[in-house]
């Protein structure tokens, strides 16, 4: 009888053999993963760290440039004109006087009055001067600036209008501290006009003004 001897060495794979083969294949896959994949991941992490450092350096450099620019801007002048003719006239040709009380004052208010040449009676200059060869004003326009000592609080400017001249200003003493009371004496012509033209008839009016940052009230006294 013929017997195939190769059958003696042929093994039928069992479940145990299959498990062992699967483990060997898994081990090979792990080695391959750590050999090829992990180094690439490490490179990726390193690239991210380098990019983060680059962004940090760029941020520091930008902050340095900004601080340098800010420092330089404190030395740079500008040439921007202010498009306000009235403000330009006040600052260029106006006269400023500080109004101060003659007594000890606990109020935080401080006042300034500005005056410029009046325009309403400009054609009467010759009449005001009485024919003399001199240039004088027939009236003035006044602006009252009110401020407080607190930082960051903007002041207020009131246009008092055009009159002959405010010849006297007195800061009155009151018990309240939330406003200031002024007494003004107003003349129909400036003092200089009466000097050059004695024919002018002087008329006066006395008013009191209660003023703060939000309001101004005028009361005629006489």
C-alpha atoms as a PDB file:
ATOM      1  CA  UNK A   1       0.000   0.000   0.000  1.00  0.00           C
ATOM      2  CA  UNK A   2       1.233   3.399  -0.994  1.00  0.00           C
ATOM      3  CA  UNK A   3       1.383   5.990   1.801  1.00  0.00           C
ATOM      4  CA  UNK A   4       1.995   9.623   1.170  1.00  0.00           C
ATOM      5  CA  UNK A   5       4.650  10.447   3.763  1.00  0.00           C
ATOM      6  CA  UNK A   6       4.142  14.192   3.406  1.00  0.00           C
ATOM      7  CA  UNK A   7       0.899  13.810   5.247  1.00  0.00           C
ATOM      8  CA  UNK A   8       2.818  12.902   8.357  1.00  0.00           C
ATOM      9  CA  UNK A   9       4.256  16.457   8.571  1.00  0.00           C
ATOM     10  CA  UNK A  10       1.140  18.396   7.616  1.00  0.00           C
ATOM     11  CA  UNK A  11      -0.455  20.064  10.587  1.00  0.00           C
ATOM     12  CA  UNK A  12      -3.961  21.286  10.724  1.00  0.00           C
ATOM     13  CA  UNK A  13      -3.951  24.818  12.311  1.00  0.00           C
ATOM     14  CA  UNK A  14      -5.800  24.908  15.578  1.00  0.00           C
ATOM     15  CA  UNK A  15      -7.427  27.872  17.345  1.00  0.00           C
ATOM     16  CA  UNK A  16      -4.348  28.242  19.521  1.00  0.00           C
ATOM     17  CA  UNK A  17      -2.120  28.423  16.504  1.00  0.00           C
ATOM     18  CA  UNK A  18      -4.340  31.049  14.968  1.00  0.00           C
ATOM     19  CA  UNK A  19      -4.110  33.209  18.125  1.00  0.00           C
ATOM     20  CA  UNK A  20      -0.333  32.943  18.184  1.00  0.00           C
ATOM     21  CA  UNK A  21      -0.150  33.925  14.515  1.00  0.00           C
ATOM     22  CA  UNK A  22      -2.384  36.936  15.146  1.00  0.00           C
ATOM     23  CA  UNK A  23      -0.169  38.063  18.042  1.00  0.00           C
ATOM     24  CA  UNK A  24       2.948  37.795  15.893  1.00  0.00           C
ATOM     25  CA  UNK A  25       1.327  39.855  13.175  1.00  0.00           C
ATOM     26  CA  UNK A  26       0.200  42.469  15.714  1.00  0.00           C
ATOM     27  CA  UNK A  27       3.723  42.685  17.102  1.00  0.00           C
ATOM     28  CA  UNK A  28       5.070  43.264  13.596  1.00  0.00           C
ATOM     29  CA  UNK A  29       2.493  46.004  13.009  1.00  0.00           C
ATOM     30  CA  UNK A  30       3.446  47.716  16.292  1.00  0.00           C
ATOM     31  CA  UNK A  31       7.125  47.651  15.385  1.00  0.00           C
ATOM     32  CA  UNK A  32       6.324  49.105  11.996  1.00  0.00           C
ATOM     33  CA  UNK A  33       4.150  51.805  13.599  1.00  0.00           C
ATOM     34  CA  UNK A  34       6.869  52.869  16.050  1.00  0.00           C
ATOM     35  CA  UNK A  35       9.466  52.739  13.319  1.00  0.00           C
ATOM     36  CA  UNK A  36       7.712  54.921  10.774  1.00  0.00           C
ATOM     37  CA  UNK A  37       4.715  56.675  12.263  1.00  0.00           C
ATOM     38  CA  UNK A  38       6.016  57.836  15.651  1.00  0.00           C
ATOM     39  CA  UNK A  39       9.081  59.645  14.290  1.00  0.00           C
ATOM     40  CA  UNK A  40       6.823  61.561  11.880  1.00  0.00           C
ATOM     41  CA  UNK A  41       4.538  62.535  14.773  1.00  0.00           C
ATOM     42  CA  UNK A  42       7.529  63.750  16.741  1.00  0.00           C
ATOM     43  CA  UNK A  43       8.564  65.876  13.798  1.00  0.00           C
ATOM     44  CA  UNK A  44       5.070  67.318  13.609  1.00  0.00           C
ATOM     45  CA  UNK A  45       5.099  68.231  17.314  1.00  0.00           C
ATOM     46  CA  UNK A  46       8.518  69.824  16.923  1.00  0.00           C
ATOM     47  CA  UNK A  47       7.266  71.835  13.966  1.00  0.00           C
ATOM     48  CA  UNK A  48       4.302  73.082  15.984  1.00  0.00           C
ATOM     49  CA  UNK A  49       6.594  74.123  18.849  1.00  0.00           C
ATOM     50  CA  UNK A  50       8.889  75.971  16.457  1.00  0.00           C
ATOM     51  CA  UNK A  51       5.916  77.735  14.867  1.00  0.00           C
ATOM     52  CA  UNK A  52       4.608  78.744  18.296  1.00  0.00           C
ATOM     53  CA  UNK A  53       7.992  80.198  19.227  1.00  0.00           C
ATOM     54  CA  UNK A  54       8.012  82.058  15.914  1.00  0.00           C
ATOM     55  CA  UNK A  55       4.614  83.605  16.644  1.00  0.00           C
ATOM     56  CA  UNK A  56       5.789  84.640  20.100  1.00  0.00           C
ATOM     57  CA  UNK A  57       8.862  86.330  18.647  1.00  0.00           C
ATOM     58  CA  UNK A  58       6.729  88.101  16.045  1.00  0.00           C
ATOM     59  CA  UNK A  59       4.401  89.336  18.796  1.00  0.00           C
ATOM     60  CA  UNK A  60       7.284  90.656  20.865  1.00  0.00           C
ATOM     61  CA  UNK A  61       8.776  92.382  17.843  1.00  0.00           C
ATOM     62  CA  UNK A  62       5.418  93.966  16.974  1.00  0.00           C
ATOM     63  CA  UNK A  63       4.991  95.210  20.549  1.00  0.00           C
ATOM     64  CA  UNK A  64       8.479  96.685  20.434  1.00  0.00           C
ATOM     65  CA  UNK A  65       7.707  98.497  17.184  1.00  0.00           C
ATOM     66  CA  UNK A  66       4.417  99.794  18.617  1.00  0.00           C
ATOM     67  CA  UNK A  67       6.086 101.118  21.768  1.00  0.00           C
ATOM     68  CA  UNK A  68       8.806 102.728  19.665  1.00  0.00           C
ATOM     69  CA  UNK A  69       6.187 104.365  17.449  1.00  0.00           C
ATOM     70  CA  UNK A  70       4.301 105.638  20.492  1.00  0.00           C
ATOM     71  CA  UNK A  71       7.502 107.107  21.893  1.00  0.00           C
ATOM     72  CA  UNK A  72       8.288 108.774  18.595  1.00  0.00           C
ATOM     73  CA  UNK A  73       4.757 110.189  18.269  1.00  0.00           C
ATOM     74  CA  UNK A  74       5.346 112.299  21.373  1.00  0.00           C
ATOM     75  CA  UNK A  75       7.969 114.187  19.406  1.00  0.00           C
ATOM     76  CA  UNK A  76       6.154 114.501  16.084  1.00  0.00           C
ATOM     77  CA  UNK A  77       4.313 117.731  15.280  1.00  0.00           C
ATOM     78  CA  UNK A  78       1.214 117.919  13.097  1.00  0.00           C
ATOM     79  CA  UNK A  79       0.021 120.492  10.601  1.00  0.00           C
ATOM     80  CA  UNK A  80      -3.750 119.996  10.807  1.00  0.00           C
ATOM     81  CA  UNK A  81      -5.704 123.287  10.855  1.00  0.00           C
ATOM     82  CA  UNK A  82      -8.792 123.607  13.049  1.00  0.00           C
ATOM     83  CA  UNK A  83     -11.739 124.460  10.808  1.00  0.00           C
ATOM     84  CA  UNK A  84     -13.463 126.833  13.217  1.00  0.00           C
ATOM     85  CA  UNK A  85     -13.241 130.544  12.395  1.00  0.00           C
ATOM     86  CA  UNK A  86     -14.731 131.727  15.688  1.00  0.00           C
ATOM     87  CA  UNK A  87     -12.322 129.640  17.767  1.00  0.00           C
ATOM     88  CA  UNK A  88      -9.415 130.845  15.634  1.00  0.00           C
ATOM     89  CA  UNK A  89     -10.463 134.470  16.182  1.00  0.00           C
ATOM     90  CA  UNK A  90     -10.774 134.002  19.949  1.00  0.00           C
ATOM     91  CA  UNK A  91      -7.356 132.391  20.253  1.00  0.00           C
ATOM     92  CA  UNK A  92      -5.667 134.792  17.835  1.00  0.00           C
ATOM     93  CA  UNK A  93      -7.183 138.178  18.641  1.00  0.00           C
ATOM     94  CA  UNK A  94      -9.119 137.633  21.850  1.00  0.00           C
ATOM     95  CA  UNK A  95      -8.256 138.992  25.253  1.00  0.00           C
ATOM     96  CA  UNK A  96      -8.524 136.697  28.272  1.00  0.00           C
ATOM     97  CA  UNK A  97      -9.035 137.591  31.935  1.00  0.00           C
ATOM     98  CA  UNK A  98      -9.300 135.244  34.873  1.00  0.00           C
ATOM     99  CA  UNK A  99     -12.189 135.860  37.235  1.00  0.00           C
ATOM    100  CA  UNK A 100     -11.219 135.307  40.857  1.00  0.00           C
ATOM    101  CA  UNK A 101     -13.109 135.898  44.119  1.00  0.00           C
ATOM    102  CA  UNK A 102     -11.859 138.485  46.566  1.00  0.00           C
ATOM    103  CA  UNK A 103     -12.590 136.146  49.492  1.00  0.00           C
ATOM    104  CA  UNK A 104     -11.653 132.604  50.524  1.00  0.00           C
ATOM    105  CA  UNK A 105     -13.530 130.296  48.208  1.00  0.00           C
ATOM    106  CA  UNK A 106     -14.144 126.573  48.745  1.00  0.00           C
ATOM    107  CA  UNK A 107     -15.704 126.113  45.318  1.00  0.00           C
ATOM    108  CA  UNK A 108     -13.911 124.007  42.683  1.00  0.00           C
ATOM    109  CA  UNK A 109     -15.001 126.319  39.858  1.00  0.00           C
ATOM    110  CA  UNK A 110     -12.582 128.496  37.958  1.00  0.00           C
ATOM    111  CA  UNK A 111     -13.728 131.084  35.414  1.00  0.00           C
ATOM    112  CA  UNK A 112     -12.192 132.898  32.465  1.00  0.00           C
ATOM    113  CA  UNK A 113     -13.779 135.520  30.235  1.00  0.00           C
ATOM    114  CA  UNK A 114     -12.692 136.120  26.640  1.00  0.00           C
ATOM    115  CA  UNK A 115     -13.498 139.155  24.525  1.00  0.00           C
ATOM    116  CA  UNK A 116     -13.146 139.857  20.798  1.00  0.00           C
ATOM    117  CA  UNK A 117     -14.061 142.792  18.605  1.00  0.00           C
ATOM    118  CA  UNK A 118     -17.787 143.179  18.065  1.00  0.00           C
ATOM    119  CA  UNK A 119     -19.135 143.058  14.523  1.00  0.00           C
ATOM    120  CA  UNK A 120     -22.711 144.339  14.894  1.00  0.00           C
ATOM    121  CA  UNK A 121     -21.774 148.035  15.264  1.00  0.00           C
ATOM    122  CA  UNK A 122     -18.488 148.001  13.350  1.00  0.00           C
ATOM    123  CA  UNK A 123     -19.804 150.697  10.970  1.00  0.00           C
ATOM    124  CA  UNK A 124     -20.063 153.103  13.914  1.00  0.00           C
ATOM    125  CA  UNK A 125     -16.315 153.184  14.597  1.00  0.00           C
ATOM    126  CA  UNK A 126     -15.946 156.704  13.223  1.00  0.00           C
ATOM    127  CA  UNK A 127     -18.852 157.861  15.371  1.00  0.00           C
ATOM    128  CA  UNK A 128     -17.413 156.144  18.482  1.00  0.00           C
ATOM    129  CA  UNK A 129     -14.060 157.866  17.961  1.00  0.00           C
ATOM    130  CA  UNK A 130     -15.701 161.267  17.550  1.00  0.00           C
ATOM    131  CA  UNK A 131     -13.810 161.947  14.333  1.00  0.00           C
ATOM    132  CA  UNK A 132     -10.397 161.348  15.906  1.00  0.00           C
ATOM    133  CA  UNK A 133      -7.763 159.539  13.845  1.00  0.00           C
ATOM    134  CA  UNK A 134      -7.733 156.494  16.071  1.00  0.00           C
ATOM    135  CA  UNK A 135      -8.987 152.939  15.734  1.00  0.00           C
ATOM    136  CA  UNK A 136     -11.262 151.836  18.556  1.00  0.00           C
ATOM    137  CA  UNK A 137     -13.964 149.256  19.047  1.00  0.00           C
ATOM    138  CA  UNK A 138     -17.607 150.195  19.511  1.00  0.00           C
ATOM    139  CA  UNK A 139     -18.503 146.884  21.149  1.00  0.00           C
ATOM    140  CA  UNK A 140     -17.129 143.546  22.317  1.00  0.00           C
ATOM    141  CA  UNK A 141     -18.349 139.995  22.131  1.00  0.00           C
ATOM    142  CA  UNK A 142     -17.795 137.970  25.306  1.00  0.00           C
ATOM    143  CA  UNK A 143     -17.352 134.280  26.074  1.00  0.00           C
ATOM    144  CA  UNK A 144     -17.417 132.862  29.588  1.00  0.00           C
ATOM    145  CA  UNK A 145     -15.396 129.662  30.167  1.00  0.00           C
ATOM    146  CA  UNK A 146     -16.319 127.568  33.220  1.00  0.00           C
ATOM    147  CA  UNK A 147     -14.242 124.697  34.546  1.00  0.00           C
ATOM    148  CA  UNK A 148     -13.788 122.605  37.675  1.00  0.00           C
ATOM    149  CA  UNK A 149     -10.721 121.207  39.353  1.00  0.00           C
ATOM    150  CA  UNK A 150     -11.711 117.569  38.822  1.00  0.00           C
ATOM    151  CA  UNK A 151      -9.593 115.690  36.294  1.00  0.00           C
ATOM    152  CA  UNK A 152     -11.383 114.340  33.259  1.00  0.00           C
ATOM    153  CA  UNK A 153     -14.372 116.692  33.574  1.00  0.00           C
ATOM    154  CA  UNK A 154     -14.714 118.916  30.483  1.00  0.00           C
ATOM    155  CA  UNK A 155     -15.510 122.559  30.927  1.00  0.00           C
ATOM    156  CA  UNK A 156     -18.243 124.654  29.309  1.00  0.00           C
ATOM    157  CA  UNK A 157     -18.022 127.857  27.260  1.00  0.00           C
ATOM    158  CA  UNK A 158     -20.985 130.255  27.108  1.00  0.00           C
ATOM    159  CA  UNK A 159     -21.447 132.888  24.404  1.00  0.00           C
ATOM    160  CA  UNK A 160     -22.600 135.989  26.299  1.00  0.00           C
ATOM    161  CA  UNK A 161     -23.246 137.921  23.114  1.00  0.00           C
ATOM    162  CA  UNK A 162     -22.175 141.391  22.030  1.00  0.00           C
ATOM    163  CA  UNK A 163     -22.456 144.468  24.238  1.00  0.00           C
ATOM    164  CA  UNK A 164     -20.688 147.796  24.506  1.00  0.00           C
ATOM    165  CA  UNK A 165     -18.351 146.642  27.255  1.00  0.00           C
ATOM    166  CA  UNK A 166     -18.408 144.689  30.499  1.00  0.00           C
ATOM    167  CA  UNK A 167     -16.789 147.267  32.697  1.00  0.00           C
ATOM    168  CA  UNK A 168     -16.851 145.370  36.000  1.00  0.00           C
ATOM    169  CA  UNK A 169     -17.076 141.739  37.145  1.00  0.00           C
ATOM    170  CA  UNK A 170     -17.503 140.701  40.785  1.00  0.00           C
ATOM    171  CA  UNK A 171     -17.568 137.156  42.178  1.00  0.00           C
ATOM    172  CA  UNK A 172     -20.281 137.147  44.843  1.00  0.00           C
ATOM    173  CA  UNK A 173     -20.135 135.152  48.025  1.00  0.00           C
ATOM    174  CA  UNK A 174     -22.942 132.601  48.395  1.00  0.00           C
ATOM    175  CA  UNK A 175     -23.588 129.607  50.639  1.00  0.00           C
ATOM    176  CA  UNK A 176     -24.045 127.108  47.783  1.00  0.00           C
ATOM    177  CA  UNK A 177     -21.087 125.408  46.134  1.00  0.00           C
ATOM    178  CA  UNK A 178     -22.784 123.909  43.093  1.00  0.00           C
ATOM    179  CA  UNK A 179     -22.711 127.161  41.073  1.00  0.00           C
ATOM    180  CA  UNK A 180     -21.010 130.559  40.927  1.00  0.00           C
ATOM    181  CA  UNK A 181     -22.763 133.920  41.116  1.00  0.00           C
ATOM    182  CA  UNK A 182     -21.249 136.874  39.294  1.00  0.00           C
ATOM    183  CA  UNK A 183     -22.294 140.515  39.230  1.00  0.00           C
ATOM    184  CA  UNK A 184     -21.566 142.299  35.949  1.00  0.00           C
ATOM    185  CA  UNK A 185     -21.755 145.964  35.107  1.00  0.00           C
ATOM    186  CA  UNK A 186     -22.381 146.542  31.395  1.00  0.00           C
ATOM    187  CA  UNK A 187     -21.838 149.781  29.505  1.00  0.00           C
ATOM    188  CA  UNK A 188     -23.356 150.705  26.135  1.00  0.00           C
ATOM    189  CA  UNK A 189     -19.941 151.804  24.793  1.00  0.00           C
ATOM    190  CA  UNK A 190     -16.366 150.931  25.688  1.00  0.00           C
ATOM    191  CA  UNK A 191     -14.513 153.204  28.070  1.00  0.00           C
ATOM    192  CA  UNK A 192     -12.104 154.299  25.328  1.00  0.00           C
ATOM    193  CA  UNK A 193     -15.001 155.508  23.172  1.00  0.00           C
ATOM    194  CA  UNK A 194     -16.153 157.919  25.873  1.00  0.00           C
ATOM    195  CA  UNK A 195     -12.626 159.277  26.067  1.00  0.00           C
ATOM    196  CA  UNK A 196     -12.468 160.181  22.375  1.00  0.00           C
ATOM    197  CA  UNK A 197     -16.109 161.179  21.985  1.00  0.00           C
ATOM    198  CA  UNK A 198     -17.499 163.121  24.938  1.00  0.00           C
ATOM    199  CA  UNK A 199     -20.816 163.476  23.133  1.00  0.00           C
ATOM    200  CA  UNK A 200     -21.639 159.844  23.826  1.00  0.00           C
ATOM    201  CA  UNK A 201     -24.239 159.277  26.526  1.00  0.00           C
ATOM    202  CA  UNK A 202     -23.213 156.529  28.913  1.00  0.00           C
ATOM    203  CA  UNK A 203     -25.815 153.964  29.886  1.00  0.00           C
ATOM    204  CA  UNK A 204     -25.226 151.019  32.197  1.00  0.00           C
ATOM    205  CA  UNK A 205     -26.939 147.874  33.342  1.00  0.00           C
ATOM    206  CA  UNK A 206     -26.158 145.598  36.289  1.00  0.00           C
ATOM    207  CA  UNK A 207     -26.927 141.888  36.049  1.00  0.00           C
ATOM    208  CA  UNK A 208     -26.214 138.812  38.128  1.00  0.00           C
ATOM    209  CA  UNK A 209     -25.248 135.501  36.556  1.00  0.00           C
ATOM    210  CA  UNK A 210     -25.623 132.082  38.183  1.00  0.00           C
ATOM    211  CA  UNK A 211     -23.448 129.676  36.252  1.00  0.00           C
ATOM    212  CA  UNK A 212     -22.087 126.137  36.421  1.00  0.00           C
ATOM    213  CA  UNK A 213     -21.171 123.476  33.868  1.00  0.00           C
ATOM    214  CA  UNK A 214     -24.739 122.783  32.786  1.00  0.00           C
ATOM    215  CA  UNK A 215     -26.545 126.141  32.886  1.00  0.00           C
ATOM    216  CA  UNK A 216     -26.253 129.910  32.940  1.00  0.00           C
ATOM    217  CA  UNK A 217     -29.025 132.175  34.263  1.00  0.00           C
ATOM    218  CA  UNK A 218     -29.088 135.973  33.905  1.00  0.00           C
ATOM    219  CA  UNK A 219     -30.984 138.244  36.260  1.00  0.00           C
ATOM    220  CA  UNK A 220     -31.232 142.012  35.702  1.00  0.00           C
ATOM    221  CA  UNK A 221     -30.603 143.924  38.935  1.00  0.00           C
ATOM    222  CA  UNK A 222     -30.801 147.494  37.650  1.00  0.00           C
END
